Amino acid sequence: MTLKLQGEANDYVGKGLSGGTVVIASGKNASKRGDVLAGNTVLYGATSGQLFVAGQAGERFAVRNSGAVAVVEGVGQHGCEYMTGGIVAVLGPAGLNFGSGMTGGLAYVLRTEAEHILNTEFVQPHELEQMEERCLRGLLETHLTLTGSPRAFRFLAMPSLPFLRIQPIHFQGTLEGAWKAAAPRIGDWLPTPAAAENYFGAQPSPAPQYA
């Protein structure tokens, strides 16, 4: 099931999400301005499914997330708090105390944001590996397709993505395993690097309406 909202949402979007896809957008100008399109405590306790927000969300984004995949263009304080699984990509600003209590899953934040926001008692930043670059590009392509986000379009046009991986200090398993568990459709692309390269590429398909 796919739920698409054109406009703004309140707190607790996707609480307990256990499948399906939620898309929130309000036009390309809202994305460019960094409008807040979702409230606090989004994806609380989610176990699977996907969320794409072409704008910012409030505090405690993805708190206690254990398996959902999310793309959002900014979050408030305490992002990914107590997260145990899933994938979260933040395409804009992030508040303080990011990753507090995080014991599983992976998050991706802009390099320019990572220095001062992390709770380093629980998480550490890492450079992207080649596999992650391909996966993130695939996730951004999906975000662009579903929301028309000019922010995603801009990142996809870059030769390398300006993100760092944020992972728990005591991370269990492998990066590929984490992506396959949280995003099986993306995981399906990983075993054949040539096919993955053909899909992800370095440049997005021309789409003037998103520029």
C-alpha atoms as a PDB file:
ATOM      1  CA  MET A   1       0.000   0.000   0.000  1.00  0.00           C
ATOM      2  CA  THR A   2       1.204   3.524  -0.779  1.00  0.00           C
ATOM      3  CA  LEU A   3      -0.142   6.627   0.968  1.00  0.00           C
ATOM      4  CA  LYS A   4       0.688   9.975  -0.628  1.00  0.00           C
ATOM      5  CA  LEU A   5       0.032  13.274   1.146  1.00  0.00           C
ATOM      6  CA  GLN A   6       0.330  16.604  -0.655  1.00  0.00           C
ATOM      7  CA  GLY A   7       0.789  19.066   2.179  1.00  0.00           C
ATOM      8  CA  GLU A   8       1.775  18.876   5.847  1.00  0.00           C
ATOM      9  CA  ALA A   9       1.426  16.120   8.446  1.00  0.00           C
ATOM     10  CA  ASN A  10       1.284  16.179  12.233  1.00  0.00           C
ATOM     11  CA  ASP A  11       3.127  14.232  14.943  1.00  0.00           C
ATOM     12  CA  TYR A  12       3.513  10.438  14.928  1.00  0.00           C
ATOM     13  CA  VAL A  13       3.414   9.891  11.172  1.00  0.00           C
ATOM     14  CA  GLY A  14       4.096   6.208  10.550  1.00  0.00           C
ATOM     15  CA  LYS A  15       3.894   5.228  14.220  1.00  0.00           C
ATOM     16  CA  GLY A  16       4.317   1.453  14.341  1.00  0.00           C
ATOM     17  CA  LEU A  17       4.654   1.294  10.546  1.00  0.00           C
ATOM     18  CA  SER A  18       4.928  -2.348   9.511  1.00  0.00           C
ATOM     19  CA  GLY A  19       4.929  -2.164   5.710  1.00  0.00           C
ATOM     20  CA  GLY A  20       3.868  -0.054   2.779  1.00  0.00           C
ATOM     21  CA  THR A  21       5.130   3.346   1.686  1.00  0.00           C
ATOM     22  CA  VAL A  22       4.276   6.833   2.977  1.00  0.00           C
ATOM     23  CA  VAL A  23       5.105   9.854   0.804  1.00  0.00           C
ATOM     24  CA  ILE A  24       4.814  13.469   2.010  1.00  0.00           C
ATOM     25  CA  ALA A  25       5.526  16.381  -0.331  1.00  0.00           C
ATOM     26  CA  SER A  26       4.321  19.929  -0.889  1.00  0.00           C
ATOM     27  CA  GLY A  27       5.975  21.008  -4.117  1.00  0.00           C
ATOM     28  CA  LYS A  28       9.570  21.753  -5.073  1.00  0.00           C
ATOM     29  CA  ASN A  29       9.599  25.186  -3.411  1.00  0.00           C
ATOM     30  CA  ALA A  30       8.772  23.636  -0.037  1.00  0.00           C
ATOM     31  CA  SER A  31      11.772  21.353  -0.427  1.00  0.00           C
ATOM     32  CA  LYS A  32      14.026  24.231  -1.463  1.00  0.00           C
ATOM     33  CA  ARG A  33      12.927  26.337   1.521  1.00  0.00           C
ATOM     34  CA  GLY A  34      13.295  23.466   3.956  1.00  0.00           C
ATOM     35  CA  ASP A  35       9.666  23.610   5.081  1.00  0.00           C
ATOM     36  CA  VAL A  36       8.665  21.381   7.981  1.00  0.00           C
ATOM     37  CA  LEU A  37       6.201  18.846   6.563  1.00  0.00           C
ATOM     38  CA  ALA A  38       6.001  16.318   9.428  1.00  0.00           C
ATOM     39  CA  GLY A  39       5.827  16.736  13.197  1.00  0.00           C
ATOM     40  CA  ASN A  40       7.592  15.068  16.094  1.00  0.00           C
ATOM     41  CA  THR A  41       8.179  11.382  16.837  1.00  0.00           C
ATOM     42  CA  VAL A  42       7.750  10.248  13.233  1.00  0.00           C
ATOM     43  CA  LEU A  43       8.198   6.491  12.642  1.00  0.00           C
ATOM     44  CA  TYR A  44       8.025   5.740  16.363  1.00  0.00           C
ATOM     45  CA  GLY A  45       8.521   2.002  16.794  1.00  0.00           C
ATOM     46  CA  ALA A  46       8.318   1.259  13.058  1.00  0.00           C
ATOM     47  CA  THR A  47       9.336  -2.278  12.072  1.00  0.00           C
ATOM     48  CA  SER A  48       9.290  -2.113   8.249  1.00  0.00           C
ATOM     49  CA  GLY A  49       8.030  -0.019   5.350  1.00  0.00           C
ATOM     50  CA  GLN A  50       9.268   3.196   3.767  1.00  0.00           C
ATOM     51  CA  LEU A  51       8.819   6.921   4.366  1.00  0.00           C
ATOM     52  CA  PHE A  52       9.811   9.725   1.977  1.00  0.00           C
ATOM     53  CA  VAL A  53       9.441  13.341   3.140  1.00  0.00           C
ATOM     54  CA  ALA A  54      10.372  16.165   0.741  1.00  0.00           C
ATOM     55  CA  GLY A  55      10.820  18.545   3.651  1.00  0.00           C
ATOM     56  CA  GLN A  56      11.909  18.560   7.262  1.00  0.00           C
ATOM     57  CA  ALA A  57      10.491  16.707  10.273  1.00  0.00           C
ATOM     58  CA  GLY A  58      10.485  17.546  13.974  1.00  0.00           C
ATOM     59  CA  GLU A  59      12.232  16.032  16.956  1.00  0.00           C
ATOM     60  CA  ARG A  60      12.826  12.348  17.725  1.00  0.00           C
ATOM     61  CA  PHE A  61      12.578  11.256  14.123  1.00  0.00           C
ATOM     62  CA  ALA A  62      12.688   7.445  13.811  1.00  0.00           C
ATOM     63  CA  VAL A  63      12.815   6.941  17.575  1.00  0.00           C
ATOM     64  CA  ARG A  64      12.862   3.193  18.299  1.00  0.00           C
ATOM     65  CA  ASN A  65      12.778   2.407  14.589  1.00  0.00           C
ATOM     66  CA  SER A  66      13.696  -1.235  14.108  1.00  0.00           C
ATOM     67  CA  GLY A  67      13.371  -1.792  10.366  1.00  0.00           C
ATOM     68  CA  ALA A  68      11.839   1.025   8.322  1.00  0.00           C
ATOM     69  CA  VAL A  69      13.659   2.943   5.594  1.00  0.00           C
ATOM     70  CA  ALA A  70      13.286   6.725   5.541  1.00  0.00           C
ATOM     71  CA  VAL A  71      14.455   9.707   3.544  1.00  0.00           C
ATOM     72  CA  VAL A  72      13.830  13.132   5.082  1.00  0.00           C
ATOM     73  CA  GLU A  73      15.278  16.551   4.311  1.00  0.00           C
ATOM     74  CA  GLY A  74      16.003  17.628   7.878  1.00  0.00           C
ATOM     75  CA  VAL A  75      15.247  16.567  11.457  1.00  0.00           C
ATOM     76  CA  GLY A  76      15.122  18.177  14.890  1.00  0.00           C
ATOM     77  CA  GLN A  77      16.919  17.058  18.029  1.00  0.00           C
ATOM     78  CA  HIS A  78      17.287  13.417  19.117  1.00  0.00           C
ATOM     79  CA  GLY A  79      17.062  11.928  15.619  1.00  0.00           C
ATOM     80  CA  CYS A  80      17.314   8.114  15.447  1.00  0.00           C
ATOM     81  CA  GLU A  81      17.096   7.883  19.221  1.00  0.00           C
ATOM     82  CA  TYR A  82      17.097   4.265  20.483  1.00  0.00           C
ATOM     83  CA  MET A  83      17.033   3.003  16.903  1.00  0.00           C
ATOM     84  CA  THR A  84      17.737  -0.717  16.574  1.00  0.00           C
ATOM     85  CA  GLY A  85      17.385  -1.285  12.816  1.00  0.00           C
ATOM     86  CA  GLY A  86      16.478   0.240   9.482  1.00  0.00           C
ATOM     87  CA  ILE A  87      17.996   2.919   7.278  1.00  0.00           C
ATOM     88  CA  VAL A  88      17.572   6.690   7.663  1.00  0.00           C
ATOM     89  CA  ALA A  89      18.965   9.275   5.232  1.00  0.00           C
ATOM     90  CA  VAL A  90      18.829  12.940   6.274  1.00  0.00           C
ATOM     91  CA  LEU A  91      19.308  15.269   3.309  1.00  0.00           C
ATOM     92  CA  GLY A  92      19.483  18.487   5.319  1.00  0.00           C
ATOM     93  CA  PRO A  93      20.060  19.880   8.812  1.00  0.00           C
ATOM     94  CA  ALA A  94      19.923  17.670  11.896  1.00  0.00           C
ATOM     95  CA  GLY A  95      19.512  18.617  15.542  1.00  0.00           C
ATOM     96  CA  LEU A  96      21.692  17.801  18.526  1.00  0.00           C
ATOM     97  CA  ASN A  97      21.936  14.425  20.269  1.00  0.00           C
ATOM     98  CA  PHE A  98      21.597  12.475  17.026  1.00  0.00           C
ATOM     99  CA  GLY A  99      21.860   8.725  17.565  1.00  0.00           C
ATOM    100  CA  SER A 100      21.459   8.737  21.344  1.00  0.00           C
ATOM    101  CA  GLY A 101      20.861   5.164  22.493  1.00  0.00           C
ATOM    102  CA  MET A 102      21.161   3.858  18.922  1.00  0.00           C
ATOM    103  CA  THR A 103      22.212   0.192  18.907  1.00  0.00           C
ATOM    104  CA  GLY A 104      21.384  -0.923  15.352  1.00  0.00           C
ATOM    105  CA  GLY A 105      20.575   0.199  11.857  1.00  0.00           C
ATOM    106  CA  LEU A 106      22.365   2.850   9.817  1.00  0.00           C
ATOM    107  CA  ALA A 107      21.891   6.572   9.340  1.00  0.00           C
ATOM    108  CA  TYR A 108      23.346   8.910   6.742  1.00  0.00           C
ATOM    109  CA  VAL A 109      23.845  12.622   7.360  1.00  0.00           C
ATOM    110  CA  LEU A 110      25.579  15.395   5.488  1.00  0.00           C
ATOM    111  CA  ARG A 111      29.271  15.741   6.205  1.00  0.00           C
ATOM    112  CA  THR A 112      28.737  19.398   7.084  1.00  0.00           C
ATOM    113  CA  GLU A 113      26.193  18.444   9.765  1.00  0.00           C
ATOM    114  CA  ALA A 114      27.921  15.488  11.392  1.00  0.00           C
ATOM    115  CA  GLU A 115      30.657  17.238  13.350  1.00  0.00           C
ATOM    116  CA  HIS A 116      28.590  18.770  16.157  1.00  0.00           C
ATOM    117  CA  ILE A 117      25.295  16.855  16.338  1.00  0.00           C
ATOM    118  CA  LEU A 118      26.255  13.267  17.194  1.00  0.00           C
ATOM    119  CA  ASN A 119      25.969  11.620  20.583  1.00  0.00           C
ATOM    120  CA  THR A 120      29.402  10.021  20.395  1.00  0.00           C
ATOM    121  CA  GLU A 121      28.743   7.808  23.408  1.00  0.00           C
ATOM    122  CA  PHE A 122      26.612   5.682  21.076  1.00  0.00           C
ATOM    123  CA  VAL A 123      27.498   6.423  17.436  1.00  0.00           C
ATOM    124  CA  GLN A 124      30.457   7.294  15.243  1.00  0.00           C
ATOM    125  CA  PRO A 125      30.766   8.734  11.712  1.00  0.00           C
ATOM    126  CA  HIS A 126      32.373   6.744   8.900  1.00  0.00           C
ATOM    127  CA  GLU A 127      33.235   7.388   5.278  1.00  0.00           C
ATOM    128  CA  LEU A 128      30.970   5.770   2.696  1.00  0.00           C
ATOM    129  CA  GLU A 129      31.992   2.546   1.031  1.00  0.00           C
ATOM    130  CA  GLN A 130      31.388   2.017  -2.681  1.00  0.00           C
ATOM    131  CA  MET A 131      28.433  -0.271  -2.033  1.00  0.00           C
ATOM    132  CA  GLU A 132      26.786   2.369   0.163  1.00  0.00           C
ATOM    133  CA  GLU A 133      27.240   5.040  -2.473  1.00  0.00           C
ATOM    134  CA  ARG A 134      25.299   2.847  -4.924  1.00  0.00           C
ATOM    135  CA  CYS A 135      22.590   2.107  -2.378  1.00  0.00           C
ATOM    136  CA  LEU A 136      22.188   5.748  -1.388  1.00  0.00           C
ATOM    137  CA  ARG A 137      21.919   6.788  -5.007  1.00  0.00           C
ATOM    138  CA  GLY A 138      19.179   4.228  -5.495  1.00  0.00           C
ATOM    139  CA  LEU A 139      17.355   5.547  -2.436  1.00  0.00           C
ATOM    140  CA  LEU A 140      17.701   9.126  -3.654  1.00  0.00           C
ATOM    141  CA  GLU A 141      16.401   8.132  -7.095  1.00  0.00           C
ATOM    142  CA  THR A 142      13.329   6.671  -5.406  1.00  0.00           C
ATOM    143  CA  HIS A 143      12.900   9.823  -3.299  1.00  0.00           C
ATOM    144  CA  LEU A 144      13.154  11.973  -6.430  1.00  0.00           C
ATOM    145  CA  THR A 145      10.660   9.831  -8.341  1.00  0.00           C
ATOM    146  CA  LEU A 146       8.087   9.842  -5.538  1.00  0.00           C
ATOM    147  CA  THR A 147       8.409  13.445  -4.325  1.00  0.00           C
ATOM    148  CA  GLY A 148      10.040  15.457  -7.123  1.00  0.00           C
ATOM    149  CA  SER A 149      12.582  16.720  -4.585  1.00  0.00           C
ATOM    150  CA  PRO A 150      15.025  19.255  -6.094  1.00  0.00           C
ATOM    151  CA  ARG A 151      17.346  18.523  -3.167  1.00  0.00           C
ATOM    152  CA  ALA A 152      17.608  14.858  -4.178  1.00  0.00           C
ATOM    153  CA  PHE A 153      18.117  15.889  -7.801  1.00  0.00           C
ATOM    154  CA  ARG A 154      21.028  18.128  -6.800  1.00  0.00           C
ATOM    155  CA  PHE A 155      22.748  15.390  -4.806  1.00  0.00           C
ATOM    156  CA  LEU A 156      22.332  12.864  -7.600  1.00  0.00           C
ATOM    157  CA  ALA A 157      24.091  15.243  -9.986  1.00  0.00           C
ATOM    158  CA  MET A 158      27.207  15.239  -7.793  1.00  0.00           C
ATOM    159  CA  PRO A 159      30.090  12.899  -8.693  1.00  0.00           C
ATOM    160  CA  SER A 160      30.236  11.703  -5.078  1.00  0.00           C
ATOM    161  CA  LEU A 161      27.639  12.034  -2.351  1.00  0.00           C
ATOM    162  CA  PRO A 162      28.456  14.400   0.562  1.00  0.00           C
ATOM    163  CA  PHE A 163      27.250  12.022   3.285  1.00  0.00           C
ATOM    164  CA  LEU A 164      28.800  10.156   6.180  1.00  0.00           C
ATOM    165  CA  ARG A 165      27.537   6.874   7.577  1.00  0.00           C
ATOM    166  CA  ILE A 166      26.453   7.066  11.215  1.00  0.00           C
ATOM    167  CA  GLN A 167      26.513   3.700  12.910  1.00  0.00           C
ATOM    168  CA  PRO A 168      26.441   2.392  16.486  1.00  0.00           C
ATOM    169  CA  ILE A 169      29.806   1.984  18.171  1.00  0.00           C
ATOM    170  CA  HIS A 170      29.070  -1.702  18.709  1.00  0.00           C
ATOM    171  CA  PHE A 171      27.532  -2.293  15.282  1.00  0.00           C
ATOM    172  CA  GLN A 172      26.614  -5.925  14.640  1.00  0.00           C
ATOM    173  CA  GLY A 173      26.657  -7.604  11.226  1.00  0.00           C
ATOM    174  CA  THR A 174      27.689  -6.138   7.871  1.00  0.00           C
ATOM    175  CA  LEU A 175      26.734  -3.041   5.904  1.00  0.00           C
ATOM    176  CA  GLU A 176      25.377  -5.127   3.040  1.00  0.00           C
ATOM    177  CA  GLY A 177      23.352  -7.198   5.484  1.00  0.00           C
ATOM    178  CA  ALA A 178      21.879  -4.076   7.071  1.00  0.00           C
ATOM    179  CA  TRP A 179      20.800  -2.713   3.688  1.00  0.00           C
ATOM    180  CA  LYS A 180      19.343  -6.028   2.558  1.00  0.00           C
ATOM    181  CA  ALA A 181      17.409  -6.451   5.791  1.00  0.00           C
ATOM    182  CA  ALA A 182      15.898  -2.975   5.733  1.00  0.00           C
ATOM    183  CA  ALA A 183      15.505  -2.407   1.994  1.00  0.00           C
ATOM    184  CA  PRO A 184      15.099  -5.755   0.229  1.00  0.00           C
ATOM    185  CA  ARG A 185      14.409  -4.164  -3.150  1.00  0.00           C
ATOM    186  CA  ILE A 186      17.673  -2.268  -2.930  1.00  0.00           C
ATOM    187  CA  GLY A 187      19.374  -5.335  -1.510  1.00  0.00           C
ATOM    188  CA  ASP A 188      18.312  -7.328  -4.560  1.00  0.00           C
ATOM    189  CA  TRP A 189      20.472  -5.068  -6.713  1.00  0.00           C
ATOM    190  CA  LEU A 190      23.653  -5.614  -4.738  1.00  0.00           C
ATOM    191  CA  PRO A 191      24.861  -9.112  -5.770  1.00  0.00           C
ATOM    192  CA  THR A 192      25.654  -8.016  -9.339  1.00  0.00           C
ATOM    193  CA  PRO A 193      27.879  -4.910  -9.224  1.00  0.00           C
ATOM    194  CA  ALA A 194      27.678  -4.341 -12.984  1.00  0.00           C
ATOM    195  CA  ALA A 195      23.887  -4.224 -12.881  1.00  0.00           C
ATOM    196  CA  ALA A 196      23.998  -1.965  -9.850  1.00  0.00           C
ATOM    197  CA  GLU A 197      26.347   0.433 -11.623  1.00  0.00           C
ATOM    198  CA  ASN A 198      24.032   0.519 -14.630  1.00  0.00           C
ATOM    199  CA  TYR A 199      21.086   1.368 -12.403  1.00  0.00           C
ATOM    200  CA  PHE A 200      22.651   3.873 -10.025  1.00  0.00           C
ATOM    201  CA  GLY A 201      25.099   5.627 -12.342  1.00  0.00           C
ATOM    202  CA  ALA A 202      26.761   8.945 -11.529  1.00  0.00           C
ATOM    203  CA  GLN A 203      24.125  11.199 -13.091  1.00  0.00           C
ATOM    204  CA  PRO A 204      20.331  11.098 -12.837  1.00  0.00           C
ATOM    205  CA  SER A 205      18.197  10.924 -15.917  1.00  0.00           C
ATOM    206  CA  PRO A 206      17.389  14.407 -17.292  1.00  0.00           C
ATOM    207  CA  ALA A 207      14.380  15.821 -15.496  1.00  0.00           C
ATOM    208  CA  PRO A 208      14.099  19.579 -16.079  1.00  0.00           C
ATOM    209  CA  GLN A 209      10.928  19.840 -14.028  1.00  0.00           C
ATOM    210  CA  TYR A 210      12.967  19.116 -10.875  1.00  0.00           C
ATOM    211  CA  ALA A 211      15.785  21.578 -11.552  1.00  0.00           C
END
